Amino acid sequence: MKLKIDNEQLTEAFFEDAHLLGIVASIKNYQFAWHINKYLGYTFRLNSGLEIELVKKTRNYFFSIYEYQIPQTCLVHYLYHNHHMGEYLLPEFKHLDFLWLIKGDDISKEEINLLQQSIKQLPTVQLVSEMTNEKIKNKQHLIF
C-alpha cells in the first residue's frame, strides 16, 4: 500500500488561520525588515531554517523568510521576499516585492486594516493589499 501526501489538504490546513498581505517596496529584504522593526516596533529576524527553495530550469532559487512571534500569543508574522535572481515565489504576483503572512491565532479585520495602514506609512512602500486565497495560484510555494 502506497501512502500519498495530499498537497491540497496540506495547503488548506496551512492557510486556514492565515492572512496574507502583498507589498510593493523597491528595497532589499533586510532593509525592509529593518524599517518594519524600527518604525513599527516589530523584531523580525531572518529564519534561515524556513528558507524556501524552488527548482526551476535545473537551477535552485532561495527565498528568505523573516519571522516575528508576538510574545505571549500564538500569532506569528512571516515576511517573504517574492523574488530572487529573476524568479518569483508567486509568479502570478510579479509586481509584489514582499508577502506578509500572519498566522497562528485569530486576528480581527480591524487589526489587519491597522497593520496595512501602518505599513503604508513606511518609507519606500508604494502599495499594501490584502490577498485572498482564491487569487493565489501557487500558494503551496509559501508553505515551509
N, C-alpha and C. Protein backbone atom coordinates (compact mmCIF):
# COMPACT_ATOMS: atom_id res chain seq x y z
N MET A 1 0.83 -1.19 0.00
CA MET A 1 0.00 0.00 0.00
C MET A 1 0.88 1.25 0.00
N LYS A 2 0.59 2.14 -0.93
CA LYS A 2 1.34 3.39 -1.01
C LYS A 2 0.56 4.49 -0.31
N LEU A 3 1.29 5.30 0.43
CA LEU A 3 0.68 6.48 1.04
C LEU A 3 0.99 7.68 0.16
N LYS A 4 -0.01 8.49 -0.04
CA LYS A 4 0.17 9.66 -0.89
C LYS A 4 -0.11 10.92 -0.06
N ILE A 5 0.77 11.88 -0.17
CA ILE A 5 0.57 13.15 0.53
C ILE A 5 -0.42 13.99 -0.27
N ASP A 6 -1.43 14.46 0.40
CA ASP A 6 -2.43 15.32 -0.23
C ASP A 6 -2.00 16.77 -0.06
N ASN A 7 -1.30 17.29 -1.09
CA ASN A 7 -0.77 18.65 -1.01
C ASN A 7 -1.87 19.69 -0.90
N GLU A 8 -3.00 19.42 -1.54
CA GLU A 8 -4.10 20.38 -1.47
C GLU A 8 -4.64 20.48 -0.04
N GLN A 9 -4.75 19.35 0.62
CA GLN A 9 -5.23 19.34 2.00
C GLN A 9 -4.22 20.01 2.93
N LEU A 10 -2.93 19.77 2.70
CA LEU A 10 -1.89 20.43 3.49
C LEU A 10 -1.94 21.95 3.31
N THR A 11 -2.11 22.37 2.07
CA THR A 11 -2.19 23.80 1.76
C THR A 11 -3.39 24.43 2.45
N GLU A 12 -4.54 23.77 2.37
CA GLU A 12 -5.75 24.28 3.02
C GLU A 12 -5.53 24.44 4.52
N ALA A 13 -4.93 23.44 5.14
CA ALA A 13 -4.68 23.47 6.59
C ALA A 13 -3.72 24.60 6.95
N PHE A 14 -2.69 24.79 6.13
CA PHE A 14 -1.69 25.83 6.40
C PHE A 14 -2.33 27.22 6.36
N PHE A 15 -3.24 27.44 5.41
CA PHE A 15 -3.83 28.77 5.23
C PHE A 15 -5.14 28.97 5.98
N GLU A 16 -5.57 27.97 6.72
CA GLU A 16 -6.84 28.01 7.43
C GLU A 16 -6.98 29.24 8.34
N ASP A 17 -5.94 29.54 9.09
CA ASP A 17 -5.99 30.67 10.02
C ASP A 17 -5.03 31.79 9.61
N ALA A 18 -4.80 31.92 8.31
CA ALA A 18 -3.78 32.86 7.83
C ALA A 18 -4.37 34.05 7.10
N HIS A 19 -3.63 35.15 7.15
CA HIS A 19 -3.92 36.36 6.37
C HIS A 19 -2.66 36.71 5.61
N LEU A 20 -2.82 37.14 4.37
CA LEU A 20 -1.66 37.44 3.55
C LEU A 20 -1.78 38.84 2.96
N LEU A 21 -0.71 39.61 3.12
CA LEU A 21 -0.64 40.95 2.54
C LEU A 21 0.42 40.95 1.45
N GLY A 22 0.14 41.62 0.35
CA GLY A 22 1.12 41.82 -0.70
C GLY A 22 1.64 43.24 -0.60
N ILE A 23 2.97 43.39 -0.75
CA ILE A 23 3.59 44.70 -0.55
C ILE A 23 4.52 45.03 -1.72
N VAL A 24 4.40 46.26 -2.22
CA VAL A 24 5.34 46.77 -3.22
C VAL A 24 6.23 47.77 -2.51
N ALA A 25 7.52 47.46 -2.49
CA ALA A 25 8.53 48.34 -1.87
C ALA A 25 9.88 48.00 -2.51
N SER A 26 10.38 48.90 -3.32
CA SER A 26 11.64 48.61 -4.02
C SER A 26 12.83 48.86 -3.08
N ILE A 27 13.11 47.84 -2.28
CA ILE A 27 14.15 47.92 -1.26
C ILE A 27 14.59 46.47 -0.99
N LYS A 28 15.81 46.28 -0.55
CA LYS A 28 16.29 44.94 -0.24
C LYS A 28 15.55 44.37 0.97
N ASN A 29 15.46 43.03 1.05
CA ASN A 29 14.66 42.41 2.11
C ASN A 29 15.16 42.74 3.51
N TYR A 30 16.47 42.75 3.73
CA TYR A 30 16.98 43.08 5.07
C TYR A 30 16.71 44.53 5.43
N GLN A 31 16.72 45.42 4.42
CA GLN A 31 16.41 46.83 4.68
C GLN A 31 14.93 47.00 5.03
N PHE A 32 14.08 46.25 4.34
CA PHE A 32 12.65 46.33 4.61
C PHE A 32 12.36 45.83 6.02
N ALA A 33 12.97 44.71 6.40
CA ALA A 33 12.79 44.18 7.77
C ALA A 33 13.27 45.21 8.79
N TRP A 34 14.37 45.88 8.50
CA TRP A 34 14.91 46.90 9.41
C TRP A 34 13.91 48.05 9.58
N HIS A 35 13.32 48.50 8.46
CA HIS A 35 12.32 49.58 8.51
C HIS A 35 11.11 49.17 9.35
N ILE A 36 10.63 47.94 9.16
CA ILE A 36 9.49 47.45 9.94
C ILE A 36 9.83 47.45 11.43
N ASN A 37 11.00 46.92 11.75
CA ASN A 37 11.42 46.85 13.15
C ASN A 37 11.57 48.24 13.76
N LYS A 38 12.19 49.14 13.01
CA LYS A 38 12.45 50.48 13.54
C LYS A 38 11.18 51.31 13.69
N TYR A 39 10.35 51.32 12.65
CA TYR A 39 9.19 52.22 12.64
C TYR A 39 7.92 51.61 13.23
N LEU A 40 7.79 50.29 13.18
CA LEU A 40 6.56 49.66 13.66
C LEU A 40 6.74 48.88 14.97
N GLY A 41 7.98 48.78 15.43
CA GLY A 41 8.22 48.15 16.73
C GLY A 41 8.24 46.63 16.73
N TYR A 42 8.36 46.02 15.57
CA TYR A 42 8.47 44.56 15.49
C TYR A 42 9.93 44.17 15.69
N THR A 43 10.17 42.88 15.87
CA THR A 43 11.55 42.38 15.90
C THR A 43 11.67 41.20 14.93
N PHE A 44 11.46 41.49 13.64
CA PHE A 44 11.62 40.46 12.62
C PHE A 44 13.08 40.03 12.57
N ARG A 45 13.29 38.72 12.47
CA ARG A 45 14.63 38.15 12.34
C ARG A 45 14.61 37.15 11.18
N LEU A 46 15.70 37.10 10.45
CA LEU A 46 15.84 36.12 9.38
C LEU A 46 15.83 34.73 9.99
N ASN A 47 14.99 33.85 9.46
CA ASN A 47 14.95 32.46 9.93
C ASN A 47 15.41 31.58 8.77
N SER A 48 16.71 31.27 8.73
CA SER A 48 17.26 30.50 7.62
C SER A 48 16.71 29.08 7.58
N GLY A 49 16.18 28.59 8.70
CA GLY A 49 15.57 27.27 8.73
C GLY A 49 14.26 27.20 7.96
N LEU A 50 13.65 28.35 7.71
CA LEU A 50 12.39 28.39 6.97
C LEU A 50 12.57 28.74 5.49
N GLU A 51 13.79 29.02 5.08
CA GLU A 51 14.06 29.42 3.70
C GLU A 51 13.40 28.46 2.71
N ILE A 52 12.80 28.99 1.67
CA ILE A 52 12.11 28.18 0.67
C ILE A 52 12.98 28.04 -0.56
N GLU A 53 13.11 26.80 -1.02
CA GLU A 53 13.91 26.51 -2.21
C GLU A 53 12.98 26.05 -3.32
N LEU A 54 13.07 26.71 -4.46
CA LEU A 54 12.32 26.28 -5.65
C LEU A 54 13.33 25.89 -6.72
N VAL A 55 13.06 24.82 -7.42
CA VAL A 55 13.93 24.38 -8.51
C VAL A 55 13.19 24.66 -9.81
N LYS A 56 13.81 25.50 -10.64
CA LYS A 56 13.22 25.85 -11.94
C LYS A 56 14.33 25.82 -12.98
N LYS A 57 14.05 25.18 -14.09
CA LYS A 57 15.02 25.12 -15.19
C LYS A 57 16.39 24.64 -14.69
N THR A 58 16.41 23.61 -13.89
CA THR A 58 17.61 22.98 -13.31
C THR A 58 18.42 23.92 -12.42
N ARG A 59 17.86 25.04 -12.03
CA ARG A 59 18.53 25.95 -11.10
C ARG A 59 17.75 26.01 -9.80
N ASN A 60 18.46 26.28 -8.72
CA ASN A 60 17.84 26.41 -7.41
C ASN A 60 17.72 27.88 -7.06
N TYR A 61 16.55 28.26 -6.57
CA TYR A 61 16.30 29.64 -6.14
C TYR A 61 15.88 29.60 -4.68
N PHE A 62 16.46 30.49 -3.90
CA PHE A 62 16.20 30.50 -2.46
C PHE A 62 15.49 31.79 -2.06
N PHE A 63 14.40 31.64 -1.32
CA PHE A 63 13.59 32.77 -0.90
C PHE A 63 13.64 32.86 0.62
N SER A 64 14.18 33.97 1.10
CA SER A 64 14.36 34.14 2.54
C SER A 64 13.03 34.49 3.21
N ILE A 65 12.95 34.09 4.49
CA ILE A 65 11.77 34.38 5.30
C ILE A 65 12.22 34.99 6.63
N TYR A 66 11.63 36.13 6.96
CA TYR A 66 11.85 36.76 8.25
C TYR A 66 10.65 36.40 9.12
N GLU A 67 10.89 36.25 10.41
CA GLU A 67 9.85 35.78 11.32
C GLU A 67 9.78 36.66 12.56
N TYR A 68 8.56 36.88 13.04
CA TYR A 68 8.35 37.59 14.30
C TYR A 68 7.18 36.95 15.05
N GLN A 69 7.46 36.43 16.23
CA GLN A 69 6.44 35.81 17.09
C GLN A 69 6.00 36.86 18.11
N ILE A 70 4.71 37.14 18.19
CA ILE A 70 4.21 38.08 19.18
C ILE A 70 4.25 37.40 20.55
N PRO A 71 4.96 38.01 21.51
CA PRO A 71 5.10 37.38 22.84
C PRO A 71 3.75 37.09 23.50
N GLN A 72 3.70 36.00 24.25
CA GLN A 72 2.51 35.53 24.97
C GLN A 72 1.30 35.23 24.09
N THR A 73 1.53 35.00 22.79
CA THR A 73 0.44 34.62 21.89
C THR A 73 0.93 33.52 20.96
N CYS A 74 0.02 33.00 20.17
CA CYS A 74 0.38 32.03 19.13
C CYS A 74 0.52 32.72 17.77
N LEU A 75 0.37 34.04 17.75
CA LEU A 75 0.39 34.79 16.49
C LEU A 75 1.83 34.99 16.01
N VAL A 76 2.05 34.57 14.76
CA VAL A 76 3.38 34.71 14.16
C VAL A 76 3.24 35.45 12.84
N HIS A 77 4.18 36.37 12.59
CA HIS A 77 4.24 37.11 11.34
C HIS A 77 5.44 36.60 10.55
N TYR A 78 5.23 36.38 9.26
CA TYR A 78 6.30 35.94 8.37
C TYR A 78 6.40 36.92 7.21
N LEU A 79 7.61 37.26 6.86
CA LEU A 79 7.85 38.18 5.76
C LEU A 79 8.68 37.46 4.70
N TYR A 80 8.08 37.25 3.53
CA TYR A 80 8.73 36.56 2.43
C TYR A 80 9.22 37.59 1.41
N HIS A 81 10.37 37.32 0.82
CA HIS A 81 10.82 38.11 -0.32
C HIS A 81 10.28 37.39 -1.54
N ASN A 82 9.54 38.06 -2.40
CA ASN A 82 8.85 37.41 -3.51
C ASN A 82 9.74 37.11 -4.71
N HIS A 83 10.93 37.70 -4.79
CA HIS A 83 11.76 37.40 -5.95
C HIS A 83 13.22 37.16 -5.57
N HIS A 84 13.85 36.35 -6.43
CA HIS A 84 15.26 36.02 -6.24
C HIS A 84 15.85 35.71 -7.62
N MET A 85 16.82 36.49 -8.01
CA MET A 85 17.54 36.28 -9.28
C MET A 85 16.61 36.07 -10.47
N GLY A 86 15.59 36.91 -10.58
CA GLY A 86 14.70 36.86 -11.73
C GLY A 86 13.57 35.84 -11.64
N GLU A 87 13.50 35.09 -10.56
CA GLU A 87 12.40 34.14 -10.36
C GLU A 87 11.51 34.64 -9.23
N TYR A 88 10.28 34.15 -9.21
CA TYR A 88 9.29 34.63 -8.24
C TYR A 88 8.71 33.48 -7.43
N LEU A 89 8.54 33.73 -6.15
CA LEU A 89 7.90 32.77 -5.27
C LEU A 89 6.43 32.59 -5.70
N LEU A 90 5.77 33.71 -5.96
CA LEU A 90 4.40 33.69 -6.51
C LEU A 90 4.44 34.37 -7.88
N PRO A 91 4.68 33.60 -8.95
CA PRO A 91 4.82 34.19 -10.29
C PRO A 91 3.59 34.97 -10.75
N GLU A 92 2.42 34.63 -10.20
CA GLU A 92 1.20 35.35 -10.60
C GLU A 92 1.16 36.76 -10.01
N PHE A 93 2.10 37.08 -9.10
CA PHE A 93 2.17 38.41 -8.49
C PHE A 93 3.57 38.99 -8.63
N LYS A 94 4.06 39.06 -9.87
CA LYS A 94 5.42 39.55 -10.12
C LYS A 94 5.62 41.00 -9.68
N HIS A 95 4.54 41.76 -9.59
CA HIS A 95 4.65 43.17 -9.19
C HIS A 95 4.89 43.33 -7.69
N LEU A 96 4.66 42.26 -6.90
CA LEU A 96 4.83 42.35 -5.45
C LEU A 96 6.28 42.03 -5.06
N ASP A 97 6.82 42.83 -4.17
CA ASP A 97 8.18 42.60 -3.68
C ASP A 97 8.20 41.71 -2.45
N PHE A 98 7.18 41.89 -1.58
CA PHE A 98 7.14 41.15 -0.32
C PHE A 98 5.75 40.59 -0.07
N LEU A 99 5.73 39.51 0.71
CA LEU A 99 4.48 38.89 1.15
C LEU A 99 4.54 38.81 2.66
N TRP A 100 3.52 39.31 3.33
CA TRP A 100 3.46 39.33 4.80
C TRP A 100 2.35 38.38 5.22
N LEU A 101 2.73 37.26 5.83
CA LEU A 101 1.78 36.24 6.25
C LEU A 101 1.60 36.31 7.76
N ILE A 102 0.35 36.34 8.20
CA ILE A 102 0.03 36.36 9.63
C ILE A 102 -0.73 35.07 9.92
N LYS A 103 -0.29 34.34 10.92
CA LYS A 103 -0.85 33.01 11.14
C LYS A 103 -0.72 32.58 12.59
N GLY A 104 -1.61 31.69 13.03
CA GLY A 104 -1.46 31.06 14.33
C GLY A 104 -2.49 31.43 15.37
N ASP A 105 -3.15 32.54 15.22
CA ASP A 105 -4.15 33.00 16.18
C ASP A 105 -5.18 33.81 15.41
N ASP A 106 -6.33 33.98 16.00
CA ASP A 106 -7.35 34.79 15.36
C ASP A 106 -6.93 36.26 15.40
N ILE A 107 -7.13 36.95 14.30
CA ILE A 107 -6.82 38.38 14.24
C ILE A 107 -8.00 39.07 13.55
N SER A 108 -8.41 40.18 14.10
CA SER A 108 -9.61 40.85 13.58
C SER A 108 -9.31 41.61 12.29
N LYS A 109 -10.39 41.87 11.55
CA LYS A 109 -10.29 42.66 10.32
C LYS A 109 -9.75 44.05 10.62
N GLU A 110 -10.14 44.61 11.77
CA GLU A 110 -9.66 45.94 12.17
C GLU A 110 -8.14 45.92 12.38
N GLU A 111 -7.64 44.85 13.01
CA GLU A 111 -6.19 44.75 13.23
C GLU A 111 -5.43 44.62 11.91
N ILE A 112 -6.01 43.88 10.97
CA ILE A 112 -5.40 43.75 9.63
C ILE A 112 -5.38 45.12 8.94
N ASN A 113 -6.49 45.84 9.00
CA ASN A 113 -6.56 47.17 8.38
C ASN A 113 -5.57 48.13 9.01
N LEU A 114 -5.45 48.08 10.34
CA LEU A 114 -4.50 48.94 11.04
C LEU A 114 -3.06 48.61 10.63
N LEU A 115 -2.76 47.34 10.52
CA LEU A 115 -1.43 46.92 10.08
C LEU A 115 -1.14 47.42 8.67
N GLN A 116 -2.12 47.27 7.77
CA GLN A 116 -1.96 47.76 6.40
C GLN A 116 -1.66 49.25 6.38
N GLN A 117 -2.42 50.02 7.16
CA GLN A 117 -2.20 51.47 7.22
C GLN A 117 -0.81 51.80 7.74
N SER A 118 -0.35 51.06 8.74
CA SER A 118 0.98 51.28 9.32
C SER A 118 2.07 50.98 8.30
N ILE A 119 1.93 49.88 7.57
CA ILE A 119 2.93 49.51 6.56
C ILE A 119 2.98 50.57 5.46
N LYS A 120 1.81 51.08 5.07
CA LYS A 120 1.76 52.11 4.01
C LYS A 120 2.53 53.36 4.39
N GLN A 121 2.68 53.61 5.69
CA GLN A 121 3.40 54.81 6.15
C GLN A 121 4.91 54.66 6.08
N LEU A 122 5.40 53.44 5.89
CA LEU A 122 6.84 53.20 5.85
C LEU A 122 7.47 53.84 4.61
N PRO A 123 8.71 54.35 4.77
CA PRO A 123 9.41 54.88 3.59
C PRO A 123 9.59 53.75 2.57
N THR A 124 9.53 54.06 1.32
CA THR A 124 9.70 53.15 0.16
C THR A 124 8.50 52.25 -0.13
N VAL A 125 7.49 52.20 0.72
CA VAL A 125 6.33 51.34 0.45
C VAL A 125 5.36 52.08 -0.47
N GLN A 126 5.05 51.45 -1.60
CA GLN A 126 4.14 52.07 -2.57
C GLN A 126 2.73 51.49 -2.50
N LEU A 127 2.63 50.20 -2.09
CA LEU A 127 1.32 49.55 -2.10
C LEU A 127 1.29 48.45 -1.06
N VAL A 128 0.14 48.31 -0.40
CA VAL A 128 -0.13 47.20 0.51
C VAL A 128 -1.56 46.75 0.24
N SER A 129 -1.75 45.46 -0.02
CA SER A 129 -3.12 44.98 -0.22
C SER A 129 -3.28 43.59 0.37
N GLU A 130 -4.47 43.35 0.91
CA GLU A 130 -4.75 42.02 1.44
C GLU A 130 -5.07 41.10 0.27
N MET A 131 -4.53 39.89 0.33
CA MET A 131 -4.71 38.94 -0.76
C MET A 131 -5.63 37.81 -0.30
N THR A 132 -6.57 37.47 -1.14
CA THR A 132 -7.48 36.38 -0.80
C THR A 132 -6.92 35.07 -1.36
N ASN A 133 -7.21 33.99 -0.67
CA ASN A 133 -6.70 32.67 -1.07
C ASN A 133 -7.08 32.29 -2.50
N GLU A 134 -8.24 32.71 -2.96
CA GLU A 134 -8.70 32.34 -4.30
C GLU A 134 -7.78 32.90 -5.39
N LYS A 135 -7.16 34.06 -5.14
CA LYS A 135 -6.33 34.71 -6.15
C LYS A 135 -4.94 34.07 -6.25
N ILE A 136 -4.55 33.31 -5.24
CA ILE A 136 -3.18 32.79 -5.19
C ILE A 136 -3.14 31.40 -5.82
N LYS A 137 -2.49 31.30 -6.98
CA LYS A 137 -2.41 30.02 -7.69
C LYS A 137 -1.35 29.10 -7.09
N ASN A 138 -0.23 29.67 -6.68
CA ASN A 138 0.92 28.87 -6.21
C ASN A 138 1.11 28.98 -4.71
N LYS A 139 0.03 28.92 -3.95
CA LYS A 139 0.15 29.10 -2.50
C LYS A 139 0.98 28.02 -1.84
N GLN A 140 1.12 26.85 -2.46
CA GLN A 140 1.97 25.81 -1.88
C GLN A 140 3.43 26.26 -1.80
N HIS A 141 3.82 27.27 -2.61
CA HIS A 141 5.19 27.81 -2.55
C HIS A 141 5.46 28.53 -1.22
N LEU A 142 4.41 28.94 -0.52
CA LEU A 142 4.59 29.67 0.73
C LEU A 142 4.71 28.77 1.95
N ILE A 143 4.47 27.48 1.75
CA ILE A 143 4.49 26.55 2.87
C ILE A 143 5.93 26.12 3.17
N PHE A 144 6.31 26.27 4.42
CA PHE A 144 7.66 25.88 4.81
C PHE A 144 7.64 24.64 5.67
